[in-house]
Every structure is written in structure tokens, then in C-alpha cells.
Protein backbone atom coordinates (compact mmCIF):
# COMPACT_ATOMS: atom_id res chain seq x y z
CA MET A 1 47.59 53.17 3.89
CA ILE A 2 50.20 53.70 6.61
CA LYS A 3 48.37 51.35 8.96
CA THR A 4 48.27 48.65 6.29
CA LEU A 5 51.97 49.08 5.56
CA ARG A 6 52.86 48.83 9.25
CA SER A 7 50.78 45.68 9.62
CA SER A 8 52.49 44.15 6.59
CA VAL A 9 55.91 44.93 8.00
CA ARG A 10 54.97 43.35 11.33
CA ILE A 11 53.65 40.23 9.59
CA PHE A 12 56.85 39.88 7.55
CA GLY A 13 58.98 40.49 10.61
CA THR A 14 57.15 37.83 12.56
CA PHE A 15 57.48 35.41 9.66
CA ALA A 16 61.19 36.13 9.53
CA LEU A 17 61.46 35.40 13.24
CA CYS A 18 59.56 32.13 12.80
CA VAL A 19 62.03 31.03 10.13
CA VAL A 20 65.10 31.83 12.18
CA LEU A 21 63.66 30.27 15.33
CA GLY A 22 62.77 27.13 13.49
CA ALA A 23 66.25 27.03 12.03
CA CYS A 24 67.88 27.58 15.40
CA SER A 25 65.76 24.91 17.01
CA THR A 26 67.08 22.40 14.50
CA THR A 27 70.74 23.37 14.80
CA LYS A 28 71.36 23.12 18.51
CA ALA A 29 74.96 22.10 18.80
CA PRO A 30 76.59 19.77 21.28
CA PRO A 31 77.41 20.85 24.82
CA SER A 32 81.04 21.56 25.62
CA SER A 33 81.49 18.01 26.98
CA SER A 34 80.86 16.49 23.52
CA TYR A 35 84.04 17.56 21.74
CA ALA A 36 84.82 14.09 20.41
CA ASP A 37 81.32 13.64 19.01
CA ALA A 38 81.37 17.13 17.56
CA GLU A 39 84.66 16.49 15.79
CA ALA A 40 83.38 13.19 14.40
CA THR A 41 80.24 14.89 13.17
CA ALA A 42 82.27 17.68 11.58
CA GLU A 43 84.35 15.17 9.63
CA ALA A 44 81.26 13.28 8.51
CA THR A 45 79.54 16.41 7.32
CA THR A 46 82.50 17.85 5.44
CA THR A 47 83.06 14.82 3.22
CA PRO A 48 79.65 14.41 1.54
CA ASN A 49 79.09 12.24 -1.47
CA LYS A 50 77.89 14.46 -4.32
CA THR A 51 75.71 12.41 -6.63
CA ASP A 52 75.27 15.35 -9.03
CA ASP A 53 75.67 19.12 -9.03
CA ASP A 54 72.66 19.70 -6.79
CA VAL A 55 72.27 16.60 -4.57
CA ILE A 56 74.53 15.77 -1.62
CA MET A 57 74.27 12.47 0.26
CA VAL A 58 75.33 12.44 3.93
CA GLY A 59 74.74 8.86 5.01
CA ASP A 60 71.23 8.08 3.83
CA ILE A 61 70.15 11.74 3.96
CA GLU A 62 69.63 13.53 0.65
CA ILE A 63 70.37 17.26 0.67
CA ARG A 64 69.64 19.52 -2.28
CA ASP A 65 71.86 22.59 -2.18
CA PRO A 66 71.90 24.08 -5.68
CA LEU A 67 72.40 27.53 -4.14
CA GLU A 68 75.54 26.56 -2.22
CA GLY A 69 77.62 29.49 -3.45
CA TYR A 70 74.96 31.99 -2.44
CA ASN A 71 74.20 30.12 0.78
CA ARG A 72 77.84 30.14 1.86
CA ALA A 73 78.07 33.89 1.27
CA VAL A 74 74.94 34.53 3.34
CA PHE A 75 76.16 32.10 6.00
CA ALA A 76 79.40 34.12 6.33
CA LEU A 77 77.37 37.35 6.56
CA ASN A 78 75.22 35.87 9.32
CA GLN A 79 78.31 34.78 11.25
CA GLY A 80 79.59 38.35 11.13
CA LEU A 81 76.28 39.77 12.35
CA ASP A 82 76.16 37.18 15.10
CA THR A 83 79.64 38.15 16.29
CA VAL A 84 78.87 41.87 16.27
CA ILE A 85 75.26 41.95 17.48
CA PHE A 86 73.56 38.78 18.70
CA GLU A 87 76.29 37.13 20.74
CA PRO A 88 77.21 40.30 22.70
CA ALA A 89 73.51 40.93 23.42
CA THR A 90 73.10 37.36 24.67
CA LYS A 91 76.11 37.69 26.95
CA VAL A 92 74.55 40.80 28.49
CA TYR A 93 71.26 38.92 28.88
CA ARG A 94 73.05 36.10 30.69
CA THR A 95 74.85 38.55 32.94
CA ILE A 96 71.70 40.40 33.97
CA VAL A 97 69.20 37.52 34.14
CA PRO A 98 69.96 34.48 36.34
CA LYS A 99 69.66 30.95 34.88
CA ILE A 100 66.47 30.07 36.75
CA ALA A 101 64.75 33.15 35.35
CA ARG A 102 66.01 32.43 31.80
CA ASP A 103 64.60 28.91 32.09
CA GLY A 104 61.29 30.44 33.11
CA VAL A 105 61.31 32.69 30.03
CA HIS A 106 62.03 29.68 27.82
CA ASN A 107 59.20 27.66 29.35
CA PHE A 108 56.79 30.58 29.03
CA LEU A 109 57.58 31.13 25.35
CA GLU A 110 57.23 27.41 24.62
CA ASN A 111 53.85 27.37 26.33
CA LEU A 112 52.69 30.21 24.07
CA LYS A 113 53.38 28.01 21.03
CA SER A 114 50.87 25.37 22.18
CA PRO A 115 48.09 26.42 19.73
CA VAL A 116 50.52 26.01 16.80
CA TYR A 117 51.64 22.61 18.07
CA LEU A 118 48.04 21.51 18.60
CA ALA A 119 46.92 22.58 15.11
CA ASN A 120 49.72 20.61 13.49
CA GLU A 121 49.08 17.49 15.58
CA ILE A 122 45.44 17.59 14.47
CA LEU A 123 46.42 18.06 10.82
CA GLN A 124 48.73 15.05 11.12
CA GLY A 125 45.99 12.98 12.73
CA ASP A 126 48.10 12.40 15.84
CA TRP A 127 45.33 12.54 18.44
CA GLU A 128 47.46 11.17 21.26
CA ASP A 129 49.99 13.99 21.01
CA ALA A 130 47.19 16.50 20.41
CA GLY A 131 45.79 15.47 23.79
CA LEU A 132 49.26 15.74 25.35
CA VAL A 133 49.74 19.28 24.00
CA THR A 134 46.35 20.32 25.36
CA LYS A 135 47.03 18.78 28.76
CA ARG A 136 50.49 20.34 29.00
CA PHE A 137 49.12 23.76 28.12
CA PHE A 138 46.46 23.74 30.83
CA VAL A 139 48.67 22.15 33.50
CA ASN A 140 51.60 24.48 32.86
CA SER A 141 49.39 27.56 32.52
CA LEU A 142 47.52 26.89 35.77
CA ALA A 143 50.02 25.06 37.98
CA GLY A 144 53.14 26.43 36.30
CA ILE A 145 52.43 30.13 36.88
CA GLY A 146 51.37 30.91 33.33
CA GLY A 147 53.88 28.48 31.87
CA LEU A 148 56.97 29.75 33.65
CA VAL A 149 57.44 26.29 35.18
CA ASP A 150 57.22 23.15 33.05
CA VAL A 151 55.22 21.14 35.58
CA SER A 152 54.22 18.54 32.99
CA GLY A 153 57.83 17.99 32.02
CA MET A 154 58.74 17.44 35.66
CA ASN A 155 56.11 14.69 35.74
CA GLY A 156 57.62 12.98 32.69
CA GLU A 157 55.15 14.36 30.14
CA THR A 158 57.70 15.66 27.67
CA TYR A 159 56.86 16.84 24.18
CA LEU A 160 58.63 17.39 20.87
CA PRO A 161 57.52 20.52 18.95
CA GLU A 162 55.48 20.29 15.75
CA ASP A 163 55.23 22.79 12.92
CA PHE A 164 53.63 22.94 9.49
CA GLY A 165 56.91 22.02 7.81
CA GLN A 166 56.74 18.72 9.67
CA THR A 167 53.06 18.38 8.76
CA LEU A 168 53.91 18.81 5.07
CA ALA A 169 56.59 16.12 5.43
CA VAL A 170 54.06 13.74 7.01
CA TRP A 171 51.78 14.44 4.04
CA GLY A 172 54.61 13.40 1.72
CA ALA A 173 56.24 16.70 0.76
CA GLY A 174 60.02 16.66 0.30
CA ASP A 175 62.46 19.12 1.83
CA GLY A 176 62.84 21.13 -1.32
CA VAL A 177 66.12 23.03 -1.51
CA TYR A 178 68.38 24.14 1.31
CA ILE A 179 68.25 27.89 1.93
CA VAL A 180 70.28 30.16 4.19
CA TRP A 181 68.33 33.35 4.75
CA PRO A 182 70.09 36.65 5.56
CA ILE A 183 69.91 37.11 9.34
CA LEU A 184 67.26 34.37 9.58
CA GLY A 185 69.61 31.44 9.15
CA PRO A 186 69.29 27.95 7.61
CA SER A 187 66.05 26.34 6.49
CA SER A 188 64.52 24.59 3.47
CA SER A 189 61.95 25.79 0.98
CA ARG A 190 59.34 23.48 2.54
CA ASP A 191 60.04 24.55 6.11
CA SER A 192 60.19 28.25 5.21
CA PHE A 193 56.69 28.01 3.75
CA GLY A 194 55.60 26.01 6.77
CA ARG A 195 56.67 28.74 9.16
CA LEU A 196 54.53 31.23 7.30
CA VAL A 197 51.48 28.97 7.58
CA ASP A 198 52.14 28.52 11.31
CA LEU A 199 51.40 32.21 11.79
CA GLY A 200 47.79 31.49 10.91
CA PHE A 201 47.58 29.02 13.81
CA ASP A 202 48.93 31.48 16.37
CA PRO A 203 46.15 33.50 18.07
CA LEU A 204 48.67 35.69 19.91
CA PHE A 205 50.17 36.72 16.57
CA TRP A 206 46.84 37.99 15.28
CA TYR A 207 46.12 39.70 18.57
CA GLY A 208 49.57 41.27 18.57
CA ILE A 209 49.36 42.79 15.08
CA SER A 210 46.31 44.73 16.15
CA GLU A 211 47.05 48.47 16.16
CA ASP A 212 46.24 48.66 19.86
CA HIS A 213 48.43 45.72 20.86
CA GLU A 214 51.51 45.93 18.64
CA ALA A 215 53.79 46.16 21.69
CA ILE A 216 52.97 42.53 22.48
CA GLY A 217 54.53 41.40 19.23
CA TYR A 218 57.68 43.45 19.78
CA ILE A 219 58.16 42.19 23.34
CA ARG A 220 57.58 38.58 22.34
CA THR A 221 59.98 38.93 19.42
CA GLY A 222 62.75 40.39 21.57
CA MET A 223 62.30 37.77 24.29
CA THR A 224 62.29 34.94 21.76
CA ILE A 225 65.45 36.13 20.00
CA LEU A 226 67.35 36.33 23.28
CA ASP A 227 66.02 33.00 24.50
CA THR A 228 66.85 31.18 21.27
CA LYS A 229 70.38 32.53 21.16
CA ASP A 230 70.83 31.70 24.84
CA GLN A 231 69.81 28.09 24.15
CA VAL A 232 72.16 27.51 21.20
CA MET A 233 75.16 29.83 21.64
CA ASP A 234 77.56 27.60 23.58
CA GLY A 235 76.89 24.49 21.55
CA MET A 236 77.19 26.26 18.22
CA ASN A 237 80.46 27.87 19.26
CA ASP A 238 81.81 24.44 20.22
CA LEU A 239 80.66 22.94 16.94
CA GLU A 240 82.35 25.73 14.99
CA LYS A 241 85.64 25.12 16.81
CA ASN A 242 85.51 21.39 16.02
CA SER A 243 84.30 21.63 12.41
CA LEU A 244 86.54 21.46 9.38
CA ASP A 245 83.69 23.11 7.45
CA PHE A 246 81.18 24.83 9.74
CA TYR A 247 78.74 25.50 6.90
CA ALA A 248 78.60 21.81 5.94
CA ALA A 249 78.32 20.72 9.58
CA VAL A 250 75.33 23.01 10.23
CA ARG A 251 73.66 21.96 6.98
CA SER A 252 73.98 18.30 7.93
CA ILE A 253 72.68 18.84 11.46
CA VAL A 254 69.68 20.78 10.17
CA TYR A 255 68.61 17.87 7.97
CA GLN A 256 69.38 15.15 10.52
CA ARG A 257 67.39 16.86 13.26
CA ARG A 258 64.48 17.65 10.97
CA GLY A 259 64.39 14.04 9.87
CA ALA A 260 64.32 12.92 13.50
CA LEU A 261 61.57 15.33 14.51
CA ILE A 262 59.40 14.46 11.52
CA LYS A 263 59.50 10.81 12.65
CA ASP A 264 58.75 11.88 16.24
CA PHE A 265 62.20 10.77 17.39
CA ASP A 266 64.07 12.81 19.96
CA PRO A 267 67.34 13.81 18.22
CA GLY A 268 69.04 13.86 21.62
CA GLN A 269 68.45 10.17 22.33
CA GLY A 270 71.07 8.73 19.99
CA THR A 271 68.65 7.44 17.34
CA PHE A 272 70.76 9.20 14.72
CA SER A 273 74.52 9.49 14.40
CA ILE A 274 74.70 12.99 15.84
CA PRO A 275 75.67 14.29 19.29
CA ASP A 276 73.17 15.30 21.95
CA TYR A 277 72.10 18.75 20.80
CA GLU A 278 69.42 19.27 23.40
CA ASP A 279 69.89 22.48 25.35
CA GLU A 280 69.19 21.05 28.78
């Protein structure tokens, strides 16, 4: 009974991490050099056109936020937790670990996600990108010291991540409603479900929840939290400073970036009217 309960807690915790990481990956804010773009984006996202009580139009993007009152309260809670816990921890991480080593951690964690990316490319019928994911995994694992160095990326073989939320969108599923989870951050009902399904595609997850290997899951979780916050902290702080309504700005960016990724567009290449939110 105790073993089953512990396994259930680990599964839920990993799912929670998947949701927050997916949310963070879609809300990377502009670098400090993009103040003008950030301010323009903030203005655009704080003057939405409400077509009814639940639907908000930002440009041609439709956002359903019927839980806005609740979401704003949770968003404020998350900001407080970030100020007290996550940002100080990230600053310590940056102080102790040099940039080159942090980049290695990021590359390594991305390489571990390759089975999830591959499964979703296959489900979407994108065989070209499925081949690219496979090639990147083997090249980076063998020539990149277990994935610490993105050798494929250096050779121009870049890749945009795929998840089951994107797969559902390709199959025709809508976003559903916008949700801000306590601690976990912003997402949608479709993407939250997608993150749960992605666990089934992750062999390291199933290996890690084994009673004899639970430490693997804890280490990976801790590393991923620090890496994700390290990637987004500066940009998000800049966006907050330049936003008239930080909640609305983040909500808009989440949907714009998800729309770009679903169409296999790089959100950092100017295809959409948002700043360059890439972390590199």
C-alpha cells in the first residue's frame, strides 16, 4: 500500500513538472535588449478584444479564459513563490555553476527528451523530423559526451520540440480553456492532458519510478527545474517590467508561441508579432 502511494505521488509530481516545464518553454520572454519589442507586446496583450464573456481575441488568436478571476489569483500566488523560492535558488545556481556547464546541463536534459519527441513526430506522421530526432539523439549521445554538447546543432541540424499537446492540435483538437496551475504555471486544458500522455513515451520516467531507482527521478526533476528557471528568468523579469498587465502579456505569449510551434515555425524567427523569446 505504501509503495503504491509513493509511486502515485512520484507520477503526479512528474506530471506536475511536465506541465510547468511545458508552460515555461512557451513563455520565454525577450532578452534585455528587446525592451521596445517587449513594451509593444505588453500593450498589444493588455488591450484584447473580448467577443463574449469567455473568448478573447488578440489579433487572430482566440483565447478562452472563463476562469480569469481564478487564474489571476493563482498567477499572483505563483509570482510570490517565484520571488521567495525559485528565483533565489536560480541565482545561487548561476553563482556556483559556470555558464558553459549550465549549457551542458540544458543540452543533456533536452537529449533525454528525445524518445518523447520521436513518439510525437511518428504520431503526427512527420517522418522527416522523426529521422532528425533519431539522428540528433545518436550523434549528441555519442559525439556530444552523452548529450552535454549539442553537436548536431553546431552542424546546423536544429530541432523544435514536440509534445502530445501539439500532436492533439495537429489532429484537430482545440486549445480548450486557459489554465494557470498553482506552482506549475500557465497551460491549456489540451496541453495539460498532453503532458500527462507524454509520460507514457518517456522510458526514463518509468525506469525512475521503480523502487530501486527513485533517486533518478528526483535528480532529474531538480536539474530540470533549475535549468528551466535559468533559461527564462531574465527575459520574464524584463517582460514584467515592460508590461502594463503581466498576466495578459504571459497569456498572449503562451498562445502565440504554441501556435507557432504547432505549425513547426520557430517563434524566434519573426514569423509572429512577438519578440525573440529564444534563450540563446
